[in-house]
Amino acid sequence: MTYAIVRPIRLDLDSYARATGLHPQAVRRLVTLGLLEPTRNARGELCFAPSQVATAARIQRLHEGLSINYAAIGVVIDLLDRIEELEAALRGLSRR
């Protein structure tokens, strides 16, 4: 059995909202849509990993820059991630 030596850093809803520039209600909406994947603390409150700040920035860029609605952003992110995986695989093949 292994144990973490240090407790992972998590941001509560208000800290996360401040870090991303989003209103807490907007953050809750993104969670409801499945665009953000928070955990819950012992009190049942939303907690976010620091890496989720970059995810929120990506969502905001897609929404504001390309006028993609939040419901479609999940599909777009999945496609972009898949393209990234395929490009990485292709680079790996070209190195052989």
C-alpha atoms as a PDB file:
ATOM      1  CA  MET A   1       0.000   0.000   0.000  1.00  0.00           C
ATOM      2  CA  THR A   2       1.321   3.463  -0.851  1.00  0.00           C
ATOM      3  CA  TYR A   3       0.549   6.784   0.722  1.00  0.00           C
ATOM      4  CA  ALA A   4       1.040  10.288  -0.613  1.00  0.00           C
ATOM      5  CA  ILE A   5       3.871  12.085   1.106  1.00  0.00           C
ATOM      6  CA  VAL A   6       2.254  15.460   0.575  1.00  0.00           C
ATOM      7  CA  ARG A   7      -1.376  16.365   0.189  1.00  0.00           C
ATOM      8  CA  PRO A   8      -2.215  17.392  -3.399  1.00  0.00           C
ATOM      9  CA  ILE A   9      -2.945  21.064  -3.978  1.00  0.00           C
ATOM     10  CA  ARG A  10      -6.614  21.754  -4.631  1.00  0.00           C
ATOM     11  CA  LEU A  11      -8.445  25.024  -5.224  1.00  0.00           C
ATOM     12  CA  ASP A  12     -11.875  25.588  -3.713  1.00  0.00           C
ATOM     13  CA  LEU A  13     -14.636  27.004  -5.911  1.00  0.00           C
ATOM     14  CA  ASP A  14     -13.997  30.661  -5.041  1.00  0.00           C
ATOM     15  CA  SER A  15     -10.212  30.376  -5.444  1.00  0.00           C
ATOM     16  CA  TYR A  16     -10.665  28.581  -8.749  1.00  0.00           C
ATOM     17  CA  ALA A  17     -13.144  31.202  -9.963  1.00  0.00           C
ATOM     18  CA  ARG A  18     -10.667  33.982  -9.093  1.00  0.00           C
ATOM     19  CA  ALA A  19      -7.784  32.149 -10.780  1.00  0.00           C
ATOM     20  CA  THR A  20      -9.772  31.667 -13.993  1.00  0.00           C
ATOM     21  CA  GLY A  21     -11.636  34.978 -14.047  1.00  0.00           C
ATOM     22  CA  LEU A  22     -14.952  33.130 -14.170  1.00  0.00           C
ATOM     23  CA  HIS A  23     -17.963  33.704 -11.955  1.00  0.00           C
ATOM     24  CA  PRO A  24     -18.549  30.794  -9.547  1.00  0.00           C
ATOM     25  CA  GLN A  25     -21.921  30.138 -11.222  1.00  0.00           C
ATOM     26  CA  ALA A  26     -20.171  29.854 -14.592  1.00  0.00           C
ATOM     27  CA  VAL A  27     -17.746  27.352 -13.059  1.00  0.00           C
ATOM     28  CA  ARG A  28     -20.666  25.309 -11.715  1.00  0.00           C
ATOM     29  CA  ARG A  29     -22.249  25.358 -15.173  1.00  0.00           C
ATOM     30  CA  LEU A  30     -19.041  24.053 -16.775  1.00  0.00           C
ATOM     31  CA  VAL A  31     -18.956  21.283 -14.178  1.00  0.00           C
ATOM     32  CA  THR A  32     -22.583  20.391 -14.917  1.00  0.00           C
ATOM     33  CA  LEU A  33     -21.789  20.218 -18.641  1.00  0.00           C
ATOM     34  CA  GLY A  34     -18.869  17.893 -17.896  1.00  0.00           C
ATOM     35  CA  LEU A  35     -16.266  20.336 -19.209  1.00  0.00           C
ATOM     36  CA  LEU A  36     -14.453  20.529 -15.862  1.00  0.00           C
ATOM     37  CA  GLU A  37     -13.706  17.549 -13.632  1.00  0.00           C
ATOM     38  CA  PRO A  38     -13.462  18.636 -10.012  1.00  0.00           C
ATOM     39  CA  THR A  39     -13.252  16.416  -6.962  1.00  0.00           C
ATOM     40  CA  ARG A  40     -15.131  16.959  -3.739  1.00  0.00           C
ATOM     41  CA  ASN A  41     -13.605  17.525  -0.336  1.00  0.00           C
ATOM     42  CA  ALA A  42     -14.807  15.947   2.927  1.00  0.00           C
ATOM     43  CA  ARG A  43     -17.573  18.571   3.183  1.00  0.00           C
ATOM     44  CA  GLY A  44     -18.782  17.807  -0.343  1.00  0.00           C
ATOM     45  CA  GLU A  45     -17.530  21.106  -1.780  1.00  0.00           C
ATOM     46  CA  LEU A  46     -16.010  21.330  -5.254  1.00  0.00           C
ATOM     47  CA  CYS A  47     -12.197  21.252  -5.417  1.00  0.00           C
ATOM     48  CA  PHE A  48     -10.112  21.764  -8.539  1.00  0.00           C
ATOM     49  CA  ALA A  49      -6.604  20.663  -9.416  1.00  0.00           C
ATOM     50  CA  PRO A  50      -4.365  23.539 -10.553  1.00  0.00           C
ATOM     51  CA  SER A  51      -4.208  21.939 -14.024  1.00  0.00           C
ATOM     52  CA  GLN A  52      -7.915  22.674 -14.394  1.00  0.00           C
ATOM     53  CA  VAL A  53      -7.068  26.398 -14.669  1.00  0.00           C
ATOM     54  CA  ALA A  54      -5.524  25.708 -18.089  1.00  0.00           C
ATOM     55  CA  THR A  55      -8.620  23.710 -19.030  1.00  0.00           C
ATOM     56  CA  ALA A  56     -10.843  26.675 -18.169  1.00  0.00           C
ATOM     57  CA  ALA A  57      -8.628  28.966 -20.256  1.00  0.00           C
ATOM     58  CA  ARG A  58      -8.962  26.598 -23.213  1.00  0.00           C
ATOM     59  CA  ILE A  59     -12.749  26.557 -22.802  1.00  0.00           C
ATOM     60  CA  GLN A  60     -12.859  30.354 -22.642  1.00  0.00           C
ATOM     61  CA  ARG A  61     -10.719  30.697 -25.791  1.00  0.00           C
ATOM     62  CA  LEU A  62     -12.997  28.366 -27.724  1.00  0.00           C
ATOM     63  CA  HIS A  63     -16.136  30.072 -26.457  1.00  0.00           C
ATOM     64  CA  GLU A  64     -15.027  33.668 -26.930  1.00  0.00           C
ATOM     65  CA  GLY A  65     -12.606  33.338 -29.829  1.00  0.00           C
ATOM     66  CA  LEU A  66     -14.588  30.971 -32.020  1.00  0.00           C
ATOM     67  CA  SER A  67     -18.090  31.615 -30.629  1.00  0.00           C
ATOM     68  CA  ILE A  68     -18.583  27.935 -29.868  1.00  0.00           C
ATOM     69  CA  ASN A  69     -21.399  27.309 -27.406  1.00  0.00           C
ATOM     70  CA  TYR A  70     -20.599  25.476 -24.197  1.00  0.00           C
ATOM     71  CA  ALA A  71     -22.570  22.379 -25.186  1.00  0.00           C
ATOM     72  CA  ALA A  72     -20.398  21.914 -28.304  1.00  0.00           C
ATOM     73  CA  ILE A  73     -17.097  22.716 -26.615  1.00  0.00           C
ATOM     74  CA  GLY A  74     -16.865  19.214 -25.144  1.00  0.00           C
ATOM     75  CA  VAL A  75     -16.978  17.674 -28.609  1.00  0.00           C
ATOM     76  CA  VAL A  76     -14.430  20.170 -29.945  1.00  0.00           C
ATOM     77  CA  ILE A  77     -12.040  19.502 -27.043  1.00  0.00           C
ATOM     78  CA  ASP A  78     -12.356  15.747 -27.557  1.00  0.00           C
ATOM     79  CA  LEU A  79     -11.538  16.171 -31.261  1.00  0.00           C
ATOM     80  CA  LEU A  80      -8.577  18.457 -30.553  1.00  0.00           C
ATOM     81  CA  ASP A  81      -7.215  15.988 -27.998  1.00  0.00           C
ATOM     82  CA  ARG A  82      -7.602  13.133 -30.492  1.00  0.00           C
ATOM     83  CA  ILE A  83      -5.787  15.131 -33.178  1.00  0.00           C
ATOM     84  CA  GLU A  84      -2.962  15.782 -30.715  1.00  0.00           C
ATOM     85  CA  GLU A  85      -2.712  12.042 -29.959  1.00  0.00           C
ATOM     86  CA  LEU A  86      -2.645  11.154 -33.648  1.00  0.00           C
ATOM     87  CA  GLU A  87       0.014  13.767 -34.404  1.00  0.00           C
ATOM     88  CA  ALA A  88       2.150  12.423 -31.538  1.00  0.00           C
ATOM     89  CA  ALA A  89       1.777   8.887 -32.869  1.00  0.00           C
ATOM     90  CA  LEU A  90       2.705  10.061 -36.349  1.00  0.00           C
ATOM     91  CA  ARG A  91       5.826  11.819 -35.033  1.00  0.00           C
ATOM     92  CA  GLY A  92       6.752   8.614 -33.224  1.00  0.00           C
ATOM     93  CA  LEU A  93       6.438   6.621 -36.435  1.00  0.00           C
ATOM     94  CA  SER A  94       8.514   9.089 -38.435  1.00  0.00           C
ATOM     95  CA  ARG A  95      11.393   8.800 -35.924  1.00  0.00           C
ATOM     96  CA  ARG A  96      11.727   5.063 -36.544  1.00  0.00           C
END
